[in-house]
Amino acid sequence: MENWEKAEKAGEPEPDGCLSLTEVEALARRVHATQTDKAGRPYTVHLAAVAEGVAARGGTDEQIAAAWLHDSVEDGALSESWLENAPLPRSVKDMVSAMTKRPGESPETYAARILAVPGALLIKESDIAHNADPQRLAELDTPTRDRLTAKYARMRRLLGLAAG
């Protein structure tokens, strides 16, 4: 996958038989096409922002691919079985799996899994940065905004990330 960017620029297929970064983005856009966020915006806006945030923070192509897919299993857009059998590098599958919250899972368990998987923390950092953006939160009702602000602050602490 180190060759993703090179292969895409040359218009060549992936040498390892994996989906290209462009194909991963298209897949994520397709499977989340009907979803909206809590403010009613297309959910793909969030996915693009997280992927762009990962890239801006120096993330690898694998991390950017995982950013595009980070909510796909959790939101039911793709199944765990699909992810396991997908033509993706193991590292991408592991990061997406780490980012997938399980029903009834504590924030502590979720954070520990993210910290245990190489590359996942950068994706979660970008995810929280976008979710906690004051402009996005301002569009929500006060109880939802307050609940989410506390949730994101707690997750930042659990992950050892600086606020804001």
Protein backbone atom coordinates (compact mmCIF):
# COMPACT_ATOMS: atom_id res chain seq x y z
CA MET A 1 0.00 0.00 0.00
CA GLU A 2 2.96 2.32 0.19
CA ASN A 3 2.51 2.45 -3.57
CA TRP A 4 -1.15 3.59 -3.47
CA GLU A 5 -0.40 7.19 -4.30
CA LYS A 6 2.14 6.31 -6.98
CA ALA A 7 -0.15 3.76 -8.63
CA GLU A 8 -3.13 6.13 -8.58
CA LYS A 9 -1.15 8.96 -10.18
CA ALA A 10 0.00 6.59 -12.90
CA GLY A 11 -3.53 5.26 -13.37
CA GLU A 12 -2.35 1.74 -12.64
CA PRO A 13 -4.18 -0.89 -10.61
CA GLU A 14 -2.98 -1.61 -7.11
CA PRO A 15 0.03 -3.94 -7.22
CA ASP A 16 -1.20 -5.94 -4.23
CA GLY A 17 -4.76 -6.46 -5.49
CA CYS A 18 -6.22 -4.11 -2.88
CA LEU A 19 -8.76 -1.40 -3.47
CA SER A 20 -7.12 1.89 -4.36
CA LEU A 21 -7.58 4.89 -2.11
CA THR A 22 -9.89 6.39 -4.75
CA GLU A 23 -11.94 3.17 -4.75
CA VAL A 24 -12.13 3.18 -0.94
CA GLU A 25 -13.40 6.77 -0.98
CA ALA A 26 -15.98 5.92 -3.66
CA LEU A 27 -17.11 2.88 -1.67
CA ALA A 28 -17.48 4.93 1.52
CA ARG A 29 -19.42 7.63 -0.32
CA ARG A 30 -21.70 5.00 -1.86
CA VAL A 31 -22.47 3.01 1.30
CA HIS A 32 -23.08 6.15 3.39
CA ALA A 33 -24.93 8.04 0.61
CA THR A 34 -28.31 8.05 2.35
CA GLN A 35 -27.02 8.84 5.84
CA THR A 36 -27.10 12.24 7.50
CA ASP A 37 -25.38 13.50 10.62
CA LYS A 38 -27.14 14.83 13.74
CA ALA A 39 -27.53 18.24 12.08
CA GLY A 40 -29.03 16.74 8.91
CA ARG A 41 -26.00 17.16 6.65
CA PRO A 42 -24.80 14.36 4.36
CA TYR A 43 -22.71 11.99 6.46
CA THR A 44 -20.08 11.84 3.74
CA VAL A 45 -19.08 15.40 4.69
CA HIS A 46 -17.88 14.00 8.04
CA LEU A 47 -16.01 11.12 6.39
CA ALA A 48 -14.24 13.51 4.01
CA ALA A 49 -13.31 15.82 6.89
CA VAL A 50 -11.87 12.95 8.92
CA ALA A 51 -9.88 11.66 5.93
CA GLU A 52 -8.61 15.18 5.19
CA GLY A 53 -7.71 15.62 8.87
CA VAL A 54 -5.73 12.38 8.84
CA ALA A 55 -3.87 13.49 5.70
CA ALA A 56 -3.17 16.94 7.20
CA ARG A 57 -1.76 15.27 10.32
CA GLY A 58 0.70 13.28 8.20
CA GLY A 59 -1.28 10.05 8.04
CA THR A 60 -0.41 7.22 5.68
CA ASP A 61 -2.57 6.07 2.79
CA GLU A 62 -3.67 3.16 4.96
CA GLN A 63 -4.82 5.55 7.69
CA ILE A 64 -6.63 7.72 5.14
CA ALA A 65 -8.41 4.65 3.76
CA ALA A 66 -9.39 3.59 7.28
CA ALA A 67 -10.63 7.13 7.95
CA TRP A 68 -12.99 6.87 4.98
CA LEU A 69 -14.31 3.58 6.37
CA HIS A 70 -14.08 4.34 10.11
CA ASP A 71 -17.84 4.35 10.76
CA SER A 72 -18.91 1.89 8.07
CA VAL A 73 -19.26 -1.21 10.27
CA GLU A 74 -20.49 0.66 13.35
CA ASP A 75 -23.22 2.36 11.31
CA GLY A 76 -24.18 -0.87 9.55
CA ALA A 77 -23.18 0.40 6.10
CA LEU A 78 -20.82 -2.57 5.77
CA SER A 79 -20.73 -5.82 7.73
CA GLU A 80 -17.88 -7.17 9.83
CA SER A 81 -17.78 -10.10 7.41
CA TRP A 82 -17.40 -7.75 4.45
CA LEU A 83 -14.56 -5.94 6.20
CA GLU A 84 -12.77 -9.17 7.06
CA ASN A 85 -12.96 -10.39 3.45
CA ALA A 86 -12.45 -7.03 1.73
CA PRO A 87 -9.53 -6.48 -0.63
CA LEU A 88 -7.84 -4.19 1.88
CA PRO A 89 -4.51 -4.41 3.69
CA ARG A 90 -4.67 -6.01 7.14
CA SER A 91 -3.66 -2.69 8.72
CA VAL A 92 -6.72 -0.92 7.26
CA LYS A 93 -9.03 -3.69 8.47
CA ASP A 94 -7.48 -3.54 11.93
CA MET A 95 -7.85 0.24 12.18
CA VAL A 96 -11.49 0.16 11.02
CA SER A 97 -12.22 -2.62 13.48
CA ALA A 98 -10.54 -0.65 16.28
CA MET A 99 -12.69 2.38 15.46
CA THR A 100 -15.90 0.32 15.56
CA LYS A 101 -17.73 0.73 18.87
CA ARG A 102 -19.39 -2.43 20.12
CA PRO A 103 -22.88 -2.41 21.67
CA GLY A 104 -22.64 -1.84 25.41
CA GLU A 105 -18.89 -1.22 25.27
CA SER A 106 -17.45 1.17 27.83
CA PRO A 107 -15.51 4.22 26.66
CA GLU A 108 -12.47 2.83 28.52
CA THR A 109 -12.55 -0.45 26.58
CA TYR A 110 -13.09 1.39 23.30
CA ALA A 111 -10.18 3.77 23.98
CA ALA A 112 -7.89 0.90 25.00
CA ARG A 113 -8.56 -0.88 21.70
CA ILE A 114 -7.82 2.27 19.70
CA LEU A 115 -4.56 2.76 21.59
CA ALA A 116 -3.58 -0.88 21.00
CA VAL A 117 -3.92 -0.76 17.20
CA PRO A 118 -1.12 0.98 15.31
CA GLY A 119 -2.42 3.97 13.36
CA ALA A 120 -5.90 4.08 14.88
CA LEU A 121 -5.23 6.94 17.30
CA LEU A 122 -4.58 9.43 14.50
CA ILE A 123 -7.91 8.55 12.90
CA LYS A 124 -9.77 8.93 16.19
CA GLU A 125 -8.01 12.24 16.83
CA SER A 126 -9.24 13.54 13.47
CA ASP A 127 -12.72 12.10 14.08
CA ILE A 128 -13.02 13.83 17.46
CA ALA A 129 -11.62 17.09 16.05
CA HIS A 130 -14.34 17.18 13.42
CA ASN A 131 -17.13 15.98 15.69
CA ALA A 132 -16.19 18.50 18.40
CA ASP A 133 -15.84 21.44 16.02
CA PRO A 134 -17.68 24.33 17.72
CA GLN A 135 -19.34 25.35 14.43
CA ARG A 136 -20.77 21.84 14.00
CA LEU A 137 -21.86 21.61 17.62
CA ALA A 138 -23.55 25.03 17.43
CA GLU A 139 -26.06 23.57 14.96
CA LEU A 140 -27.34 21.10 17.58
CA ASP A 141 -29.83 21.63 20.38
CA THR A 142 -28.31 22.51 23.75
CA PRO A 143 -28.80 19.13 25.48
CA THR A 144 -27.25 17.25 22.53
CA ARG A 145 -24.40 19.75 22.25
CA ASP A 146 -23.63 19.51 25.98
CA ARG A 147 -23.79 15.69 25.96
CA LEU A 148 -21.48 15.41 22.96
CA THR A 149 -19.04 18.02 24.27
CA ALA A 150 -18.65 16.00 27.49
CA LYS A 151 -18.39 12.72 25.54
CA TYR A 152 -15.61 14.03 23.28
CA ALA A 153 -13.70 15.60 26.20
CA ARG A 154 -13.81 12.29 28.07
CA MET A 155 -12.59 10.35 25.04
CA ARG A 156 -9.75 12.84 24.52
CA ARG A 157 -8.67 12.28 28.13
CA LEU A 158 -8.86 8.49 27.79
CA LEU A 159 -6.74 8.64 24.64
CA GLY A 160 -4.22 11.10 26.06
CA LEU A 161 -5.07 13.76 23.48
CA ALA A 162 -4.84 17.48 24.16
CA ALA A 163 -8.16 19.34 24.26
CA GLY A 164 -9.47 21.02 21.14
